[in-house]
């Protein structure tokens, strides 16, 4: 008797670049048909920077002082919001469960989402940085490319955080509710409103473990130094490391609801 050939299935735990890029392409196709989401990701940070510039129209030095920091914070917030809602929508619609029933590893899936939203983050960061430096007159001592690098890392961090928290929300409304819990404490403690060294020691210690603090520190390094400093490299590596860590945690939260 001739043995029946067994269907070969790629192990779901193995990472595949082909499956990752296919997932990213699918997400980008969906985003292309959602102009409101594209506008939120690409235009809102730019509009917020324009608004901020003219709020401080009589005091351009104030805009120079906080504009660089907000150049990193605005992309982080918008990417967090959009990614958490978009991923939750796929969870609740059953799309993620169907994908996990295929020979698609968790690493492929989470990397595909990260790659797709990361591509959008590149465009978003480039638009916001170019607008701030060349049209709004943001005066920085260092290179605009370093500003772009930190803005991009911040947007990727926001993407990773959005992917992670979407696992704990049952509705889009609940996903939005995570913003006060995840983003606002970082916003208050990142050093934007007052130097972290002037905070209560307990709050300063908490701020030392929050990634947004290092995003703001990195922007301030570019603001005051002509060349890349060791502190800037440290801050950029910490933000990037936090993004990778949160992406790994996001992969760990992917679960099938059926056997």
C-alpha atoms as a PDB file:
ATOM      1  CA  UNK A   1       0.000   0.000   0.000  1.00  0.00           C
ATOM      2  CA  UNK A   2       1.342   3.372  -0.967  1.00  0.00           C
ATOM      3  CA  UNK A   3       1.484   5.708   2.009  1.00  0.00           C
ATOM      4  CA  UNK A   4      -0.733   8.746   1.778  1.00  0.00           C
ATOM      5  CA  UNK A   5       1.400  11.854   1.360  1.00  0.00           C
ATOM      6  CA  UNK A   6       1.223  14.165   4.320  1.00  0.00           C
ATOM      7  CA  UNK A   7       0.576  17.846   3.806  1.00  0.00           C
ATOM      8  CA  UNK A   8       3.595  19.829   4.864  1.00  0.00           C
ATOM      9  CA  UNK A   9       2.915  22.769   7.053  1.00  0.00           C
ATOM     10  CA  UNK A  10       5.520  25.323   8.000  1.00  0.00           C
ATOM     11  CA  UNK A  11       6.041  25.433  11.728  1.00  0.00           C
ATOM     12  CA  UNK A  12       4.174  28.326  13.164  1.00  0.00           C
ATOM     13  CA  UNK A  13       7.040  29.147  15.472  1.00  0.00           C
ATOM     14  CA  UNK A  14       9.544  29.630  12.616  1.00  0.00           C
ATOM     15  CA  UNK A  15      10.065  33.144  11.335  1.00  0.00           C
ATOM     16  CA  UNK A  16       9.544  33.623   7.597  1.00  0.00           C
ATOM     17  CA  UNK A  17      10.407  36.828   5.740  1.00  0.00           C
ATOM     18  CA  UNK A  18       7.936  35.919   2.974  1.00  0.00           C
ATOM     19  CA  UNK A  19       5.016  35.488   5.395  1.00  0.00           C
ATOM     20  CA  UNK A  20       6.002  38.673   7.212  1.00  0.00           C
ATOM     21  CA  UNK A  21       6.056  40.783   4.058  1.00  0.00           C
ATOM     22  CA  UNK A  22       2.769  39.228   2.887  1.00  0.00           C
ATOM     23  CA  UNK A  23       1.156  40.223   6.208  1.00  0.00           C
ATOM     24  CA  UNK A  24       2.574  43.740   5.931  1.00  0.00           C
ATOM     25  CA  UNK A  25       1.293  44.075   2.353  1.00  0.00           C
ATOM     26  CA  UNK A  26      -2.200  42.993   3.444  1.00  0.00           C
ATOM     27  CA  UNK A  27      -2.275  45.578   6.254  1.00  0.00           C
ATOM     28  CA  UNK A  28      -1.067  48.334   3.913  1.00  0.00           C
ATOM     29  CA  UNK A  29      -3.772  47.442   1.373  1.00  0.00           C
ATOM     30  CA  UNK A  30      -6.381  47.787   4.099  1.00  0.00           C
ATOM     31  CA  UNK A  31      -4.970  51.133   5.201  1.00  0.00           C
ATOM     32  CA  UNK A  32      -5.027  52.394   1.624  1.00  0.00           C
ATOM     33  CA  UNK A  33      -8.819  52.048   1.627  1.00  0.00           C
ATOM     34  CA  UNK A  34      -9.182  53.944   4.917  1.00  0.00           C
ATOM     35  CA  UNK A  35      -8.450  57.614   4.159  1.00  0.00           C
ATOM     36  CA  UNK A  36      -9.512  58.812   7.621  1.00  0.00           C
ATOM     37  CA  UNK A  37      -6.911  56.604   9.277  1.00  0.00           C
ATOM     38  CA  UNK A  38      -4.246  57.757   6.830  1.00  0.00           C
ATOM     39  CA  UNK A  39      -5.146  61.374   7.556  1.00  0.00           C
ATOM     40  CA  UNK A  40      -4.937  60.746  11.298  1.00  0.00           C
ATOM     41  CA  UNK A  41      -1.497  59.166  11.012  1.00  0.00           C
ATOM     42  CA  UNK A  42       0.075  61.531   8.485  1.00  0.00           C
ATOM     43  CA  UNK A  43      -1.664  64.879   8.813  1.00  0.00           C
ATOM     44  CA  UNK A  44      -2.680  65.277  12.457  1.00  0.00           C
ATOM     45  CA  UNK A  45       0.904  65.432  13.854  1.00  0.00           C
ATOM     46  CA  UNK A  46       1.748  68.055  11.220  1.00  0.00           C
ATOM     47  CA  UNK A  47      -1.353  70.094  12.030  1.00  0.00           C
ATOM     48  CA  UNK A  48      -0.545  69.943  15.752  1.00  0.00           C
ATOM     49  CA  UNK A  49       2.965  71.252  15.090  1.00  0.00           C
ATOM     50  CA  UNK A  50       1.597  74.095  12.955  1.00  0.00           C
ATOM     51  CA  UNK A  51      -0.874  74.977  15.707  1.00  0.00           C
ATOM     52  CA  UNK A  52       1.893  74.900  18.299  1.00  0.00           C
ATOM     53  CA  UNK A  53       4.117  77.137  16.175  1.00  0.00           C
ATOM     54  CA  UNK A  54       1.505  79.864  15.960  1.00  0.00           C
ATOM     55  CA  UNK A  55       0.431  79.517  19.578  1.00  0.00           C
ATOM     56  CA  UNK A  56       3.972  80.739  20.331  1.00  0.00           C
ATOM     57  CA  UNK A  57       4.043  83.149  17.399  1.00  0.00           C
ATOM     58  CA  UNK A  58       5.338  86.002  19.576  1.00  0.00           C
ATOM     59  CA  UNK A  59       7.933  83.765  21.243  1.00  0.00           C
ATOM     60  CA  UNK A  60       9.707  81.607  18.639  1.00  0.00           C
ATOM     61  CA  UNK A  61      12.344  80.554  21.176  1.00  0.00           C
ATOM     62  CA  UNK A  62       9.627  78.826  23.172  1.00  0.00           C
ATOM     63  CA  UNK A  63       8.650  76.855  20.085  1.00  0.00           C
ATOM     64  CA  UNK A  64      12.303  75.934  19.580  1.00  0.00           C
ATOM     65  CA  UNK A  65      12.469  74.735  23.191  1.00  0.00           C
ATOM     66  CA  UNK A  66       9.484  72.374  23.138  1.00  0.00           C
ATOM     67  CA  UNK A  67       8.903  71.840  19.421  1.00  0.00           C
ATOM     68  CA  UNK A  68      11.669  69.241  19.131  1.00  0.00           C
ATOM     69  CA  UNK A  69      10.283  67.251  22.053  1.00  0.00           C
ATOM     70  CA  UNK A  70       6.743  67.312  20.691  1.00  0.00           C
ATOM     71  CA  UNK A  71       8.073  66.302  17.285  1.00  0.00           C
ATOM     72  CA  UNK A  72       8.753  62.949  18.898  1.00  0.00           C
ATOM     73  CA  UNK A  73       5.713  62.806  21.169  1.00  0.00           C
ATOM     74  CA  UNK A  74       2.997  63.541  18.590  1.00  0.00           C
ATOM     75  CA  UNK A  75       3.943  60.599  16.276  1.00  0.00           C
ATOM     76  CA  UNK A  76       4.140  58.272  19.282  1.00  0.00           C
ATOM     77  CA  UNK A  77       0.630  59.198  20.405  1.00  0.00           C
ATOM     78  CA  UNK A  78      -0.999  58.986  16.968  1.00  0.00           C
ATOM     79  CA  UNK A  79       0.668  55.672  16.096  1.00  0.00           C
ATOM     80  CA  UNK A  80      -0.352  54.239  19.471  1.00  0.00           C
ATOM     81  CA  UNK A  81      -3.966  55.235  18.941  1.00  0.00           C
ATOM     82  CA  UNK A  82      -4.276  54.073  15.341  1.00  0.00           C
ATOM     83  CA  UNK A  83      -2.384  50.813  15.807  1.00  0.00           C
ATOM     84  CA  UNK A  84      -4.291  49.769  18.917  1.00  0.00           C
ATOM     85  CA  UNK A  85      -7.671  50.373  17.275  1.00  0.00           C
ATOM     86  CA  UNK A  86      -6.732  48.809  13.924  1.00  0.00           C
ATOM     87  CA  UNK A  87      -5.305  45.678  15.551  1.00  0.00           C
ATOM     88  CA  UNK A  88      -8.266  45.354  17.900  1.00  0.00           C
ATOM     89  CA  UNK A  89     -10.600  45.571  14.915  1.00  0.00           C
ATOM     90  CA  UNK A  90      -8.842  42.573  13.386  1.00  0.00           C
ATOM     91  CA  UNK A  91      -9.035  40.673  16.670  1.00  0.00           C
ATOM     92  CA  UNK A  92     -12.763  41.264  17.162  1.00  0.00           C
ATOM     93  CA  UNK A  93     -13.611  40.534  13.507  1.00  0.00           C
ATOM     94  CA  UNK A  94     -11.931  37.124  13.737  1.00  0.00           C
ATOM     95  CA  UNK A  95      -9.247  37.960  11.175  1.00  0.00           C
ATOM     96  CA  UNK A  96      -6.393  37.271  13.572  1.00  0.00           C
ATOM     97  CA  UNK A  97      -7.896  33.938  14.605  1.00  0.00           C
ATOM     98  CA  UNK A  98      -8.187  32.841  10.981  1.00  0.00           C
ATOM     99  CA  UNK A  99      -4.618  33.914  10.304  1.00  0.00           C
ATOM    100  CA  UNK A 100      -3.317  31.995  13.307  1.00  0.00           C
ATOM    101  CA  UNK A 101      -5.085  28.876  12.026  1.00  0.00           C
ATOM    102  CA  UNK A 102      -2.843  29.077   8.949  1.00  0.00           C
ATOM    103  CA  UNK A 103       0.867  28.229   8.848  1.00  0.00           C
ATOM    104  CA  UNK A 104       1.672  31.715  10.078  1.00  0.00           C
ATOM    105  CA  UNK A 105       3.849  32.150  13.125  1.00  0.00           C
ATOM    106  CA  UNK A 106       3.213  34.722  15.818  1.00  0.00           C
ATOM    107  CA  UNK A 107       6.568  36.302  14.994  1.00  0.00           C
ATOM    108  CA  UNK A 108       5.534  36.588  11.319  1.00  0.00           C
ATOM    109  CA  UNK A 109       2.235  38.195  12.259  1.00  0.00           C
ATOM    110  CA  UNK A 110       3.519  40.719  14.756  1.00  0.00           C
ATOM    111  CA  UNK A 111       6.527  41.572  12.565  1.00  0.00           C
ATOM    112  CA  UNK A 112       4.213  42.058   9.596  1.00  0.00           C
ATOM    113  CA  UNK A 113       2.043  44.493  11.511  1.00  0.00           C
ATOM    114  CA  UNK A 114       5.129  46.259  12.800  1.00  0.00           C
ATOM    115  CA  UNK A 115       6.588  46.479   9.295  1.00  0.00           C
ATOM    116  CA  UNK A 116       3.382  47.885   7.807  1.00  0.00           C
ATOM    117  CA  UNK A 117       2.810  50.510  10.470  1.00  0.00           C
ATOM    118  CA  UNK A 118       6.553  51.160  10.565  1.00  0.00           C
ATOM    119  CA  UNK A 119       6.453  52.079   6.878  1.00  0.00           C
ATOM    120  CA  UNK A 120       3.691  54.563   7.647  1.00  0.00           C
ATOM    121  CA  UNK A 121       5.763  55.828  10.589  1.00  0.00           C
ATOM    122  CA  UNK A 122       8.661  56.603   8.230  1.00  0.00           C
ATOM    123  CA  UNK A 123       6.420  58.788   6.072  1.00  0.00           C
ATOM    124  CA  UNK A 124       4.821  60.408   9.109  1.00  0.00           C
ATOM    125  CA  UNK A 125       8.158  61.213  10.750  1.00  0.00           C
ATOM    126  CA  UNK A 126       9.619  62.572   7.514  1.00  0.00           C
ATOM    127  CA  UNK A 127       6.628  64.860   6.981  1.00  0.00           C
ATOM    128  CA  UNK A 128       6.619  66.162  10.558  1.00  0.00           C
ATOM    129  CA  UNK A 129      10.396  66.706  10.661  1.00  0.00           C
ATOM    130  CA  UNK A 130      10.548  68.416   7.273  1.00  0.00           C
ATOM    131  CA  UNK A 131       7.604  70.647   8.163  1.00  0.00           C
ATOM    132  CA  UNK A 132       9.111  71.647  11.522  1.00  0.00           C
ATOM    133  CA  UNK A 133      12.633  72.367  10.306  1.00  0.00           C
ATOM    134  CA  UNK A 134      12.133  73.833   6.848  1.00  0.00           C
ATOM    135  CA  UNK A 135       8.687  75.461   6.986  1.00  0.00           C
ATOM    136  CA  UNK A 136       8.020  76.270  10.645  1.00  0.00           C
ATOM    137  CA  UNK A 137      11.591  77.376  11.311  1.00  0.00           C
ATOM    138  CA  UNK A 138      12.406  75.018  14.172  1.00  0.00           C
ATOM    139  CA  UNK A 139      15.955  76.014  15.138  1.00  0.00           C
ATOM    140  CA  UNK A 140      18.079  73.026  16.161  1.00  0.00           C
ATOM    141  CA  UNK A 141      21.827  72.923  16.639  1.00  0.00           C
ATOM    142  CA  UNK A 142      22.227  69.331  15.489  1.00  0.00           C
ATOM    143  CA  UNK A 143      21.326  67.531  12.288  1.00  0.00           C
ATOM    144  CA  UNK A 144      17.746  67.306  11.090  1.00  0.00           C
ATOM    145  CA  UNK A 145      18.485  63.666  10.238  1.00  0.00           C
ATOM    146  CA  UNK A 146      18.998  62.925  13.924  1.00  0.00           C
ATOM    147  CA  UNK A 147      15.649  64.569  14.667  1.00  0.00           C
ATOM    148  CA  UNK A 148      14.095  62.324  12.030  1.00  0.00           C
ATOM    149  CA  UNK A 149      15.729  59.260  13.571  1.00  0.00           C
ATOM    150  CA  UNK A 150      14.294  59.937  17.027  1.00  0.00           C
ATOM    151  CA  UNK A 151      10.870  60.826  15.611  1.00  0.00           C
ATOM    152  CA  UNK A 152      10.873  57.539  13.699  1.00  0.00           C
ATOM    153  CA  UNK A 153      11.900  55.530  16.767  1.00  0.00           C
ATOM    154  CA  UNK A 154       9.139  57.227  18.762  1.00  0.00           C
ATOM    155  CA  UNK A 155       6.561  56.378  16.106  1.00  0.00           C
ATOM    156  CA  UNK A 156       7.741  52.758  16.092  1.00  0.00           C
ATOM    157  CA  UNK A 157       7.493  52.692  19.885  1.00  0.00           C
ATOM    158  CA  UNK A 158       3.917  53.981  19.638  1.00  0.00           C
ATOM    159  CA  UNK A 159       3.184  51.230  17.102  1.00  0.00           C
ATOM    160  CA  UNK A 160       4.602  48.561  19.420  1.00  0.00           C
ATOM    161  CA  UNK A 161       2.640  49.869  22.409  1.00  0.00           C
ATOM    162  CA  UNK A 162      -0.563  49.937  20.344  1.00  0.00           C
ATOM    163  CA  UNK A 163      -0.081  46.341  19.224  1.00  0.00           C
ATOM    164  CA  UNK A 164       0.536  45.287  22.803  1.00  0.00           C
ATOM    165  CA  UNK A 165      -2.404  46.990  24.529  1.00  0.00           C
ATOM    166  CA  UNK A 166      -4.888  45.893  21.865  1.00  0.00           C
ATOM    167  CA  UNK A 167      -4.746  42.417  23.416  1.00  0.00           C
ATOM    168  CA  UNK A 168      -6.321  43.720  26.621  1.00  0.00           C
ATOM    169  CA  UNK A 169      -9.232  45.647  25.102  1.00  0.00           C
ATOM    170  CA  UNK A 170     -12.590  44.191  24.142  1.00  0.00           C
ATOM    171  CA  UNK A 171     -13.780  47.185  22.118  1.00  0.00           C
ATOM    172  CA  UNK A 172     -12.411  50.230  20.340  1.00  0.00           C
ATOM    173  CA  UNK A 173     -13.653  52.380  23.198  1.00  0.00           C
ATOM    174  CA  UNK A 174     -11.600  50.350  25.655  1.00  0.00           C
ATOM    175  CA  UNK A 175      -8.554  50.671  23.388  1.00  0.00           C
ATOM    176  CA  UNK A 176      -8.866  54.457  23.570  1.00  0.00           C
ATOM    177  CA  UNK A 177      -9.181  54.217  27.360  1.00  0.00           C
ATOM    178  CA  UNK A 178      -5.667  52.784  27.528  1.00  0.00           C
ATOM    179  CA  UNK A 179      -4.253  56.127  26.416  1.00  0.00           C
ATOM    180  CA  UNK A 180      -4.632  57.794  29.849  1.00  0.00           C
ATOM    181  CA  UNK A 181      -3.050  54.747  31.478  1.00  0.00           C
ATOM    182  CA  UNK A 182      -0.157  54.218  29.066  1.00  0.00           C
ATOM    183  CA  UNK A 183       0.576  57.573  27.414  1.00  0.00           C
ATOM    184  CA  UNK A 184      -0.439  60.344  29.819  1.00  0.00           C
ATOM    185  CA  UNK A 185       1.835  59.324  32.735  1.00  0.00           C
ATOM    186  CA  UNK A 186       4.774  59.238  30.336  1.00  0.00           C
ATOM    187  CA  UNK A 187       3.772  62.626  28.954  1.00  0.00           C
ATOM    188  CA  UNK A 188       3.722  64.177  32.428  1.00  0.00           C
ATOM    189  CA  UNK A 189       6.979  62.593  33.574  1.00  0.00           C
ATOM    190  CA  UNK A 190       9.088  62.783  30.406  1.00  0.00           C
ATOM    191  CA  UNK A 191      10.631  66.150  31.222  1.00  0.00           C
ATOM    192  CA  UNK A 192       8.568  68.178  28.772  1.00  0.00           C
ATOM    193  CA  UNK A 193       6.997  70.430  31.413  1.00  0.00           C
ATOM    194  CA  UNK A 194       9.841  70.521  33.927  1.00  0.00           C
ATOM    195  CA  UNK A 195      13.306  68.943  34.119  1.00  0.00           C
ATOM    196  CA  UNK A 196      13.112  65.446  35.512  1.00  0.00           C
ATOM    197  CA  UNK A 197      15.829  66.299  38.033  1.00  0.00           C
ATOM    198  CA  UNK A 198      13.443  68.857  39.603  1.00  0.00           C
ATOM    199  CA  UNK A 199      10.713  66.264  40.239  1.00  0.00           C
ATOM    200  CA  UNK A 200      10.060  64.452  43.486  1.00  0.00           C
ATOM    201  CA  UNK A 201      12.668  61.662  43.795  1.00  0.00           C
ATOM    202  CA  UNK A 202      10.006  58.970  43.499  1.00  0.00           C
ATOM    203  CA  UNK A 203       8.628  60.479  40.293  1.00  0.00           C
ATOM    204  CA  UNK A 204      12.127  60.968  38.923  1.00  0.00           C
ATOM    205  CA  UNK A 205      12.837  57.277  39.548  1.00  0.00           C
ATOM    206  CA  UNK A 206       9.614  56.325  37.743  1.00  0.00           C
ATOM    207  CA  UNK A 207      10.490  58.581  34.809  1.00  0.00           C
ATOM    208  CA  UNK A 208      13.855  56.816  34.503  1.00  0.00           C
ATOM    209  CA  UNK A 209      12.097  53.614  33.382  1.00  0.00           C
ATOM    210  CA  UNK A 210       9.635  55.244  30.947  1.00  0.00           C
ATOM    211  CA  UNK A 211      10.719  55.201  27.281  1.00  0.00           C
ATOM    212  CA  UNK A 212       9.209  58.593  26.446  1.00  0.00           C
ATOM    213  CA  UNK A 213      11.693  60.193  28.860  1.00  0.00           C
ATOM    214  CA  UNK A 214      14.555  59.007  26.679  1.00  0.00           C
ATOM    215  CA  UNK A 215      12.760  60.127  23.525  1.00  0.00           C
ATOM    216  CA  UNK A 216      12.581  63.672  24.913  1.00  0.00           C
ATOM    217  CA  UNK A 217      16.181  63.486  26.136  1.00  0.00           C
ATOM    218  CA  UNK A 218      17.305  62.409  22.672  1.00  0.00           C
ATOM    219  CA  UNK A 219      15.479  65.314  21.036  1.00  0.00           C
ATOM    220  CA  UNK A 220      17.064  67.732  23.509  1.00  0.00           C
ATOM    221  CA  UNK A 221      20.515  66.363  22.665  1.00  0.00           C
ATOM    222  CA  UNK A 222      19.916  67.223  19.000  1.00  0.00           C
ATOM    223  CA  UNK A 223      18.569  70.620  20.030  1.00  0.00           C
ATOM    224  CA  UNK A 224      21.754  71.617  21.876  1.00  0.00           C
ATOM    225  CA  UNK A 225      24.649  69.697  20.268  1.00  0.00           C
ATOM    226  CA  UNK A 226      26.028  69.864  16.759  1.00  0.00           C
ATOM    227  CA  UNK A 227      27.229  66.252  16.636  1.00  0.00           C
ATOM    228  CA  UNK A 228      25.848  62.943  17.805  1.00  0.00           C
ATOM    229  CA  UNK A 229      26.680  62.550  21.486  1.00  0.00           C
ATOM    230  CA  UNK A 230      27.072  59.442  23.609  1.00  0.00           C
ATOM    231  CA  UNK A 231      23.927  60.462  25.499  1.00  0.00           C
ATOM    232  CA  UNK A 232      21.993  60.661  22.220  1.00  0.00           C
ATOM    233  CA  UNK A 233      23.169  57.198  21.167  1.00  0.00           C
ATOM    234  CA  UNK A 234      22.141  55.826  24.572  1.00  0.00           C
ATOM    235  CA  UNK A 235      18.696  57.449  24.380  1.00  0.00           C
ATOM    236  CA  UNK A 236      18.079  56.192  20.825  1.00  0.00           C
ATOM    237  CA  UNK A 237      19.137  52.655  21.731  1.00  0.00           C
ATOM    238  CA  UNK A 238      16.860  52.632  24.780  1.00  0.00           C
ATOM    239  CA  UNK A 239      13.844  53.765  22.749  1.00  0.00           C
ATOM    240  CA  UNK A 240      14.599  51.203  20.041  1.00  0.00           C
ATOM    241  CA  UNK A 241      15.136  48.467  22.637  1.00  0.00           C
ATOM    242  CA  UNK A 242      11.835  49.284  24.327  1.00  0.00           C
ATOM    243  CA  UNK A 243      10.047  49.080  20.969  1.00  0.00           C
ATOM    244  CA  UNK A 244      11.537  45.631  20.268  1.00  0.00           C
ATOM    245  CA  UNK A 245      10.725  44.428  23.788  1.00  0.00           C
ATOM    246  CA  UNK A 246       7.105  45.557  23.560  1.00  0.00           C
ATOM    247  CA  UNK A 247       6.772  43.930  20.120  1.00  0.00           C
ATOM    248  CA  UNK A 248       7.947  40.646  21.658  1.00  0.00           C
ATOM    249  CA  UNK A 249       5.400  41.049  24.442  1.00  0.00           C
ATOM    250  CA  UNK A 250       2.757  41.759  21.812  1.00  0.00           C
ATOM    251  CA  UNK A 251       3.610  38.493  20.051  1.00  0.00           C
ATOM    252  CA  UNK A 252       3.204  36.666  23.360  1.00  0.00           C
ATOM    253  CA  UNK A 253      -0.373  38.001  23.731  1.00  0.00           C
ATOM    254  CA  UNK A 254      -1.563  36.493  20.431  1.00  0.00           C
ATOM    255  CA  UNK A 255      -3.909  33.636  21.213  1.00  0.00           C
ATOM    256  CA  UNK A 256      -6.356  31.556  19.193  1.00  0.00           C
ATOM    257  CA  UNK A 257      -9.835  31.425  20.709  1.00  0.00           C
ATOM    258  CA  UNK A 258     -10.581  28.015  19.266  1.00  0.00           C
ATOM    259  CA  UNK A 259      -8.524  24.847  19.291  1.00  0.00           C
END
